[in-house]
N, C-alpha and C. Protein backbone atom coordinates (compact mmCIF):
# COMPACT_ATOMS: atom_id res chain seq x y z
N GLY A 1 -90.95 46.27 -21.01
CA GLY A 1 -89.99 45.48 -21.70
C GLY A 1 -88.76 46.31 -22.04
N ALA A 2 -87.75 45.64 -22.48
CA ALA A 2 -86.50 46.30 -22.87
C ALA A 2 -86.00 45.69 -24.18
N LEU A 3 -85.48 46.53 -25.03
CA LEU A 3 -84.92 46.11 -26.31
C LEU A 3 -83.51 46.67 -26.40
N ARG A 4 -82.53 45.78 -26.54
CA ARG A 4 -81.14 46.20 -26.70
C ARG A 4 -80.95 46.57 -28.17
N ARG A 5 -80.61 47.84 -28.42
CA ARG A 5 -80.49 48.31 -29.80
C ARG A 5 -79.54 49.49 -29.88
N PHE A 6 -79.10 49.77 -31.09
CA PHE A 6 -78.33 50.98 -31.34
C PHE A 6 -79.29 52.08 -31.78
N ILE A 7 -79.10 53.26 -31.22
CA ILE A 7 -79.80 54.45 -31.69
C ILE A 7 -78.72 55.44 -32.12
N LYS A 8 -79.12 56.44 -32.85
CA LYS A 8 -78.17 57.48 -33.25
C LYS A 8 -78.62 58.77 -32.57
N VAL A 9 -77.75 59.31 -31.72
CA VAL A 9 -78.01 60.58 -31.04
C VAL A 9 -77.13 61.62 -31.72
N GLY A 10 -77.76 62.52 -32.47
CA GLY A 10 -76.97 63.44 -33.29
C GLY A 10 -76.19 62.63 -34.30
N ALA A 11 -74.86 62.66 -34.23
CA ALA A 11 -74.01 61.91 -35.15
C ALA A 11 -73.39 60.67 -34.51
N VAL A 12 -73.79 60.35 -33.27
CA VAL A 12 -73.16 59.27 -32.51
C VAL A 12 -74.06 58.04 -32.43
N ASP A 13 -73.53 56.89 -32.88
CA ASP A 13 -74.23 55.61 -32.68
C ASP A 13 -74.03 55.18 -31.24
N LEU A 14 -75.12 54.80 -30.57
CA LEU A 14 -75.06 54.52 -29.15
C LEU A 14 -75.88 53.28 -28.81
N LEU A 15 -75.27 52.35 -28.10
CA LEU A 15 -75.97 51.16 -27.63
C LEU A 15 -76.80 51.52 -26.40
N VAL A 16 -78.09 51.17 -26.42
CA VAL A 16 -78.98 51.44 -25.29
C VAL A 16 -79.89 50.24 -25.07
N ALA A 17 -80.54 50.23 -23.94
CA ALA A 17 -81.68 49.34 -23.72
C ALA A 17 -82.90 50.25 -23.75
N GLU A 18 -83.70 50.14 -24.81
CA GLU A 18 -84.89 50.98 -24.89
C GLU A 18 -85.98 50.37 -24.04
N LEU A 19 -86.54 51.19 -23.19
CA LEU A 19 -87.61 50.75 -22.30
C LEU A 19 -88.95 51.16 -22.88
N GLY A 20 -89.91 50.28 -22.79
CA GLY A 20 -91.24 50.59 -23.28
C GLY A 20 -92.25 49.61 -22.75
N LEU A 21 -93.48 49.83 -23.11
CA LEU A 21 -94.58 48.94 -22.73
C LEU A 21 -94.76 48.83 -21.23
N TYR A 22 -94.44 49.91 -20.49
CA TYR A 22 -94.58 49.79 -19.05
C TYR A 22 -95.99 50.00 -18.56
N ALA A 23 -96.94 50.18 -19.43
CA ALA A 23 -98.31 50.42 -18.98
C ALA A 23 -99.29 49.41 -19.55
N VAL A 24 -98.82 48.24 -19.96
CA VAL A 24 -99.73 47.30 -20.62
C VAL A 24 -100.02 46.04 -19.81
N ARG A 25 -99.40 45.85 -18.66
CA ARG A 25 -99.65 44.65 -17.86
C ARG A 25 -100.58 44.99 -16.70
N PRO A 26 -101.82 44.51 -16.76
CA PRO A 26 -102.78 44.82 -15.69
C PRO A 26 -102.31 44.37 -14.31
N ASP A 27 -101.56 43.28 -14.23
CA ASP A 27 -101.11 42.78 -12.92
C ASP A 27 -100.07 43.71 -12.29
N LEU A 28 -99.46 44.59 -13.08
CA LEU A 28 -98.49 45.54 -12.55
C LEU A 28 -99.06 46.94 -12.40
N GLU A 29 -100.33 47.11 -12.78
CA GLU A 29 -100.95 48.43 -12.71
C GLU A 29 -100.91 48.97 -11.29
N GLY A 30 -100.55 50.20 -11.16
CA GLY A 30 -100.46 50.84 -9.85
C GLY A 30 -99.07 50.76 -9.25
N LEU A 31 -98.23 49.85 -9.74
CA LEU A 31 -96.87 49.76 -9.23
C LEU A 31 -95.99 50.83 -9.88
N GLY A 32 -96.27 51.12 -11.13
CA GLY A 32 -95.69 52.25 -11.83
C GLY A 32 -94.20 52.20 -12.09
N ILE A 33 -93.69 53.36 -12.41
CA ILE A 33 -92.31 53.51 -12.83
C ILE A 33 -91.31 53.21 -11.73
N PRO A 34 -91.55 53.59 -10.46
CA PRO A 34 -90.56 53.22 -9.44
C PRO A 34 -90.35 51.70 -9.37
N HIS A 35 -91.43 50.94 -9.49
CA HIS A 35 -91.31 49.48 -9.49
C HIS A 35 -90.53 49.01 -10.72
N LEU A 36 -90.86 49.60 -11.87
CA LEU A 36 -90.16 49.25 -13.10
C LEU A 36 -88.66 49.47 -12.94
N MET A 37 -88.28 50.60 -12.36
CA MET A 37 -86.86 50.90 -12.19
C MET A 37 -86.19 49.90 -11.26
N ARG A 38 -86.85 49.56 -10.17
CA ARG A 38 -86.25 48.59 -9.23
C ARG A 38 -86.08 47.22 -9.88
N VAL A 39 -87.06 46.81 -10.67
CA VAL A 39 -87.02 45.50 -11.31
C VAL A 39 -86.07 45.50 -12.51
N MET A 40 -86.12 46.56 -13.31
CA MET A 40 -85.38 46.58 -14.57
C MET A 40 -83.91 46.95 -14.42
N TYR A 41 -83.55 47.71 -13.40
CA TYR A 41 -82.17 48.16 -13.29
C TYR A 41 -81.17 47.00 -13.30
N PRO A 42 -81.38 45.92 -12.52
CA PRO A 42 -80.45 44.78 -12.59
C PRO A 42 -80.45 44.12 -13.97
N VAL A 43 -81.60 44.09 -14.64
CA VAL A 43 -81.68 43.51 -15.98
C VAL A 43 -80.86 44.36 -16.96
N LEU A 44 -80.98 45.66 -16.84
CA LEU A 44 -80.21 46.55 -17.72
C LEU A 44 -78.71 46.39 -17.49
N GLN A 45 -78.32 46.19 -16.24
CA GLN A 45 -76.90 45.95 -15.95
C GLN A 45 -76.43 44.65 -16.61
N GLU A 46 -77.28 43.61 -16.58
CA GLU A 46 -76.92 42.34 -17.23
C GLU A 46 -76.81 42.49 -18.75
N LEU A 47 -77.61 43.39 -19.33
CA LEU A 47 -77.55 43.62 -20.77
C LEU A 47 -76.27 44.35 -21.18
N ASP A 48 -75.52 44.83 -20.20
CA ASP A 48 -74.24 45.49 -20.44
C ASP A 48 -74.37 46.66 -21.42
N VAL A 49 -75.32 47.54 -21.12
CA VAL A 49 -75.53 48.74 -21.93
C VAL A 49 -75.10 49.97 -21.14
N PRO A 50 -74.64 51.00 -21.82
CA PRO A 50 -74.26 52.21 -21.10
C PRO A 50 -75.46 52.99 -20.57
N PHE A 51 -76.61 52.90 -21.29
CA PHE A 51 -77.77 53.69 -20.90
C PHE A 51 -79.07 52.93 -21.14
N GLY A 52 -80.05 53.21 -20.30
CA GLY A 52 -81.44 52.88 -20.59
C GLY A 52 -82.04 54.12 -21.24
N PHE A 53 -83.01 53.92 -22.12
CA PHE A 53 -83.57 55.01 -22.91
C PHE A 53 -85.06 54.79 -23.05
N GLY A 54 -85.83 55.83 -22.86
CA GLY A 54 -87.28 55.76 -23.07
C GLY A 54 -87.81 57.12 -23.45
N THR A 55 -89.05 57.15 -23.89
CA THR A 55 -89.69 58.42 -24.24
C THR A 55 -91.04 58.52 -23.55
N VAL A 56 -91.42 59.74 -23.23
CA VAL A 56 -92.75 60.02 -22.66
C VAL A 56 -93.26 61.33 -23.25
N ARG A 57 -94.57 61.50 -23.22
CA ARG A 57 -95.18 62.75 -23.70
C ARG A 57 -94.86 63.90 -22.74
N HIS A 58 -94.83 65.10 -23.28
CA HIS A 58 -94.55 66.29 -22.46
C HIS A 58 -95.55 66.45 -21.32
N ALA A 59 -96.79 66.04 -21.54
CA ALA A 59 -97.82 66.17 -20.51
C ALA A 59 -97.49 65.37 -19.26
N LEU A 60 -96.61 64.38 -19.38
CA LEU A 60 -96.26 63.52 -18.24
C LEU A 60 -94.98 63.96 -17.53
N ARG A 61 -94.42 65.09 -17.89
CA ARG A 61 -93.13 65.52 -17.33
C ARG A 61 -93.13 65.54 -15.80
N GLN A 62 -94.06 66.25 -15.19
CA GLN A 62 -94.07 66.35 -13.73
C GLN A 62 -94.32 64.99 -13.08
N HIS A 63 -95.20 64.23 -13.68
CA HIS A 63 -95.51 62.89 -13.16
C HIS A 63 -94.26 62.00 -13.18
N ILE A 64 -93.56 61.98 -14.30
CA ILE A 64 -92.35 61.16 -14.43
C ILE A 64 -91.27 61.66 -13.50
N ALA A 65 -91.07 62.97 -13.43
CA ALA A 65 -90.04 63.53 -12.54
C ALA A 65 -90.31 63.14 -11.09
N ARG A 66 -91.56 63.18 -10.67
CA ARG A 66 -91.91 62.81 -9.30
C ARG A 66 -91.69 61.31 -9.07
N LEU A 67 -92.07 60.50 -10.05
CA LEU A 67 -91.96 59.05 -9.89
C LEU A 67 -90.53 58.54 -9.94
N LEU A 68 -89.69 59.23 -10.69
CA LEU A 68 -88.30 58.77 -10.77
C LEU A 68 -87.60 58.94 -9.43
N GLY A 69 -88.07 59.92 -8.67
CA GLY A 69 -87.62 60.06 -7.28
C GLY A 69 -86.15 60.33 -7.12
N ARG A 70 -85.39 59.30 -6.85
CA ARG A 70 -83.99 59.42 -6.46
C ARG A 70 -83.15 60.19 -7.49
N PRO A 71 -82.48 61.26 -7.07
CA PRO A 71 -81.61 61.99 -8.01
C PRO A 71 -80.51 61.07 -8.56
N GLY A 72 -80.24 61.21 -9.85
CA GLY A 72 -79.20 60.40 -10.48
C GLY A 72 -79.72 59.10 -11.07
N LEU A 73 -80.94 58.69 -10.68
CA LEU A 73 -81.51 57.46 -11.23
C LEU A 73 -81.78 57.61 -12.71
N ALA A 74 -82.33 58.75 -13.09
CA ALA A 74 -82.63 59.02 -14.50
C ALA A 74 -82.63 60.52 -14.71
N THR A 75 -82.46 60.90 -15.96
CA THR A 75 -82.49 62.30 -16.34
C THR A 75 -83.51 62.48 -17.45
N ILE A 76 -84.30 63.53 -17.33
CA ILE A 76 -85.27 63.86 -18.38
C ILE A 76 -84.62 64.89 -19.30
N VAL A 77 -84.60 64.58 -20.59
CA VAL A 77 -83.97 65.44 -21.59
C VAL A 77 -85.07 65.97 -22.51
N SER A 78 -85.10 67.28 -22.70
CA SER A 78 -86.08 67.87 -23.62
C SER A 78 -85.35 68.53 -24.78
N GLY A 79 -86.11 68.96 -25.78
CA GLY A 79 -85.52 69.64 -26.92
C GLY A 79 -84.91 68.69 -27.95
N VAL A 80 -85.28 67.42 -27.86
CA VAL A 80 -84.76 66.41 -28.79
C VAL A 80 -85.96 65.74 -29.45
N ARG A 81 -85.92 65.63 -30.77
CA ARG A 81 -86.98 64.91 -31.48
C ARG A 81 -86.51 63.49 -31.75
N VAL A 82 -87.47 62.56 -31.88
CA VAL A 82 -87.15 61.15 -32.08
C VAL A 82 -87.79 60.67 -33.39
N ARG A 83 -86.95 60.11 -34.26
CA ARG A 83 -87.42 59.55 -35.53
C ARG A 83 -87.54 58.04 -35.39
N SER A 84 -88.70 57.51 -35.77
CA SER A 84 -88.96 56.07 -35.71
C SER A 84 -89.50 55.60 -37.04
N THR A 85 -89.25 54.34 -37.36
CA THR A 85 -89.85 53.71 -38.52
C THR A 85 -91.26 53.27 -38.13
N LEU A 86 -92.22 53.49 -39.01
CA LEU A 86 -93.58 53.04 -38.74
C LEU A 86 -93.67 51.53 -38.92
N ARG A 87 -94.46 50.88 -38.08
CA ARG A 87 -94.62 49.42 -38.18
C ARG A 87 -95.33 49.03 -39.47
N GLU A 88 -96.32 49.84 -39.86
CA GLU A 88 -97.06 49.56 -41.10
C GLU A 88 -96.80 50.70 -42.07
N VAL A 89 -96.29 50.36 -43.23
CA VAL A 89 -95.96 51.37 -44.24
C VAL A 89 -97.02 51.33 -45.33
N HIS A 90 -97.52 52.51 -45.70
CA HIS A 90 -98.51 52.64 -46.76
C HIS A 90 -97.97 53.59 -47.82
N LEU A 91 -98.40 53.41 -49.05
CA LEU A 91 -97.90 54.23 -50.14
C LEU A 91 -98.22 55.71 -49.97
N ASP A 92 -99.31 56.03 -49.28
CA ASP A 92 -99.73 57.42 -49.16
C ASP A 92 -99.21 58.12 -47.90
N THR A 93 -98.35 57.47 -47.13
CA THR A 93 -97.79 58.09 -45.92
C THR A 93 -96.28 57.86 -45.87
N PRO A 94 -95.56 58.75 -45.20
CA PRO A 94 -94.11 58.55 -45.07
C PRO A 94 -93.80 57.30 -44.23
N PRO A 95 -92.64 56.67 -44.46
CA PRO A 95 -92.29 55.45 -43.72
C PRO A 95 -91.77 55.72 -42.31
N THR A 96 -91.56 57.00 -41.98
CA THR A 96 -91.04 57.34 -40.65
C THR A 96 -91.93 58.39 -39.99
N ARG A 97 -91.75 58.50 -38.69
CA ARG A 97 -92.47 59.51 -37.90
C ARG A 97 -91.44 60.22 -37.04
N ILE A 98 -91.59 61.52 -36.89
CA ILE A 98 -90.72 62.30 -36.01
C ILE A 98 -91.59 62.89 -34.91
N GLU A 99 -91.20 62.62 -33.66
CA GLU A 99 -91.99 63.05 -32.51
C GLU A 99 -91.20 64.02 -31.64
N ASP A 100 -91.91 64.97 -31.08
CA ASP A 100 -91.35 65.86 -30.07
C ASP A 100 -91.79 65.30 -28.72
N VAL A 101 -90.91 64.56 -28.07
CA VAL A 101 -91.21 63.89 -26.80
C VAL A 101 -90.09 64.18 -25.80
N LEU A 102 -90.34 63.82 -24.56
CA LEU A 102 -89.28 63.89 -23.55
C LEU A 102 -88.49 62.60 -23.57
N ILE A 103 -87.20 62.70 -23.41
CA ILE A 103 -86.32 61.54 -23.37
C ILE A 103 -86.00 61.25 -21.91
N VAL A 104 -86.12 59.99 -21.52
CA VAL A 104 -85.73 59.57 -20.18
C VAL A 104 -84.48 58.72 -20.34
N VAL A 105 -83.38 59.15 -19.72
CA VAL A 105 -82.10 58.45 -19.84
C VAL A 105 -81.69 57.93 -18.47
N LEU A 106 -81.40 56.63 -18.40
CA LEU A 106 -80.91 56.02 -17.17
C LEU A 106 -79.45 55.65 -17.36
N PRO A 107 -78.55 56.30 -16.65
CA PRO A 107 -77.14 55.91 -16.75
C PRO A 107 -76.94 54.54 -16.10
N ILE A 108 -76.48 53.57 -16.87
CA ILE A 108 -76.29 52.21 -16.37
C ILE A 108 -74.80 51.90 -16.26
N GLY A 109 -74.11 51.89 -17.40
CA GLY A 109 -72.68 51.58 -17.41
C GLY A 109 -71.80 52.80 -17.55
N ARG A 110 -72.40 53.96 -17.77
CA ARG A 110 -71.67 55.22 -17.92
C ARG A 110 -72.39 56.32 -17.16
N SER A 111 -71.73 57.44 -16.99
CA SER A 111 -72.37 58.56 -16.31
C SER A 111 -73.17 59.38 -17.33
N MET A 112 -74.08 60.17 -16.83
CA MET A 112 -74.92 60.99 -17.69
C MET A 112 -74.09 61.97 -18.51
N SER A 113 -72.93 62.35 -18.03
CA SER A 113 -72.08 63.28 -18.78
C SER A 113 -71.58 62.65 -20.09
N ASP A 114 -71.67 61.32 -20.22
CA ASP A 114 -71.27 60.64 -21.45
C ASP A 114 -72.38 60.56 -22.49
N TRP A 115 -73.61 60.98 -22.13
CA TRP A 115 -74.72 60.97 -23.09
C TRP A 115 -74.42 62.01 -24.17
N PRO A 116 -74.45 61.62 -25.46
CA PRO A 116 -74.10 62.57 -26.52
C PRO A 116 -75.14 63.69 -26.67
N THR A 117 -74.70 64.81 -27.20
CA THR A 117 -75.63 65.90 -27.48
C THR A 117 -76.15 65.75 -28.89
N GLY A 118 -77.32 66.26 -29.12
CA GLY A 118 -77.93 66.22 -30.44
C GLY A 118 -79.37 66.66 -30.34
N THR A 119 -79.92 67.10 -31.46
CA THR A 119 -81.31 67.55 -31.46
C THR A 119 -82.26 66.52 -32.04
N ILE A 120 -81.71 65.41 -32.55
CA ILE A 120 -82.56 64.34 -33.06
C ILE A 120 -81.96 62.99 -32.71
N ILE A 121 -82.84 62.07 -32.36
CA ILE A 121 -82.45 60.68 -32.10
C ILE A 121 -83.12 59.83 -33.16
N ASP A 122 -82.35 58.99 -33.81
CA ASP A 122 -82.89 58.05 -34.79
C ASP A 122 -82.93 56.69 -34.14
N ARG A 123 -84.12 56.14 -34.01
CA ARG A 123 -84.29 54.83 -33.35
C ARG A 123 -83.74 53.69 -34.20
N ASN A 124 -83.53 53.90 -35.47
CA ASN A 124 -83.10 52.80 -36.35
C ASN A 124 -84.10 51.66 -36.33
N GLY A 125 -85.37 51.98 -36.27
CA GLY A 125 -86.43 50.98 -36.24
C GLY A 125 -87.68 51.56 -35.61
N PRO A 126 -88.67 50.70 -35.36
CA PRO A 126 -89.92 51.18 -34.77
C PRO A 126 -89.80 51.41 -33.27
N GLU A 127 -90.76 52.16 -32.75
CA GLU A 127 -90.86 52.39 -31.31
C GLU A 127 -91.17 51.06 -30.63
N LEU A 128 -90.59 50.88 -29.45
CA LEU A 128 -90.85 49.66 -28.67
C LEU A 128 -92.22 49.73 -28.08
């Protein structure tokens, strides 16, 4: 799925289409990320966003890099933490979570050189 939202990268508010839930549809199992990119890229263009944005665990770095295939389709960014609001808030736990994950950026309406620098991304809401 995709969610059109603003995130904050460092000090810059940025409109993105956050990609997520790509592993929950059994009928698409085995088609993987290359299929997702082929199907979602036109949708992301229709959403008129400068970038697609997603996160993956560090353990999946080589897998994601291999699956993304075509150079320029996406860039994997490391060294950035992501802050998200928790869906369920309890009095004994903080309302947010900060994760050390890999960022996957798909340049849609802008080039990758326009992606802002920063060491933290604030999702301004929960993870998709």
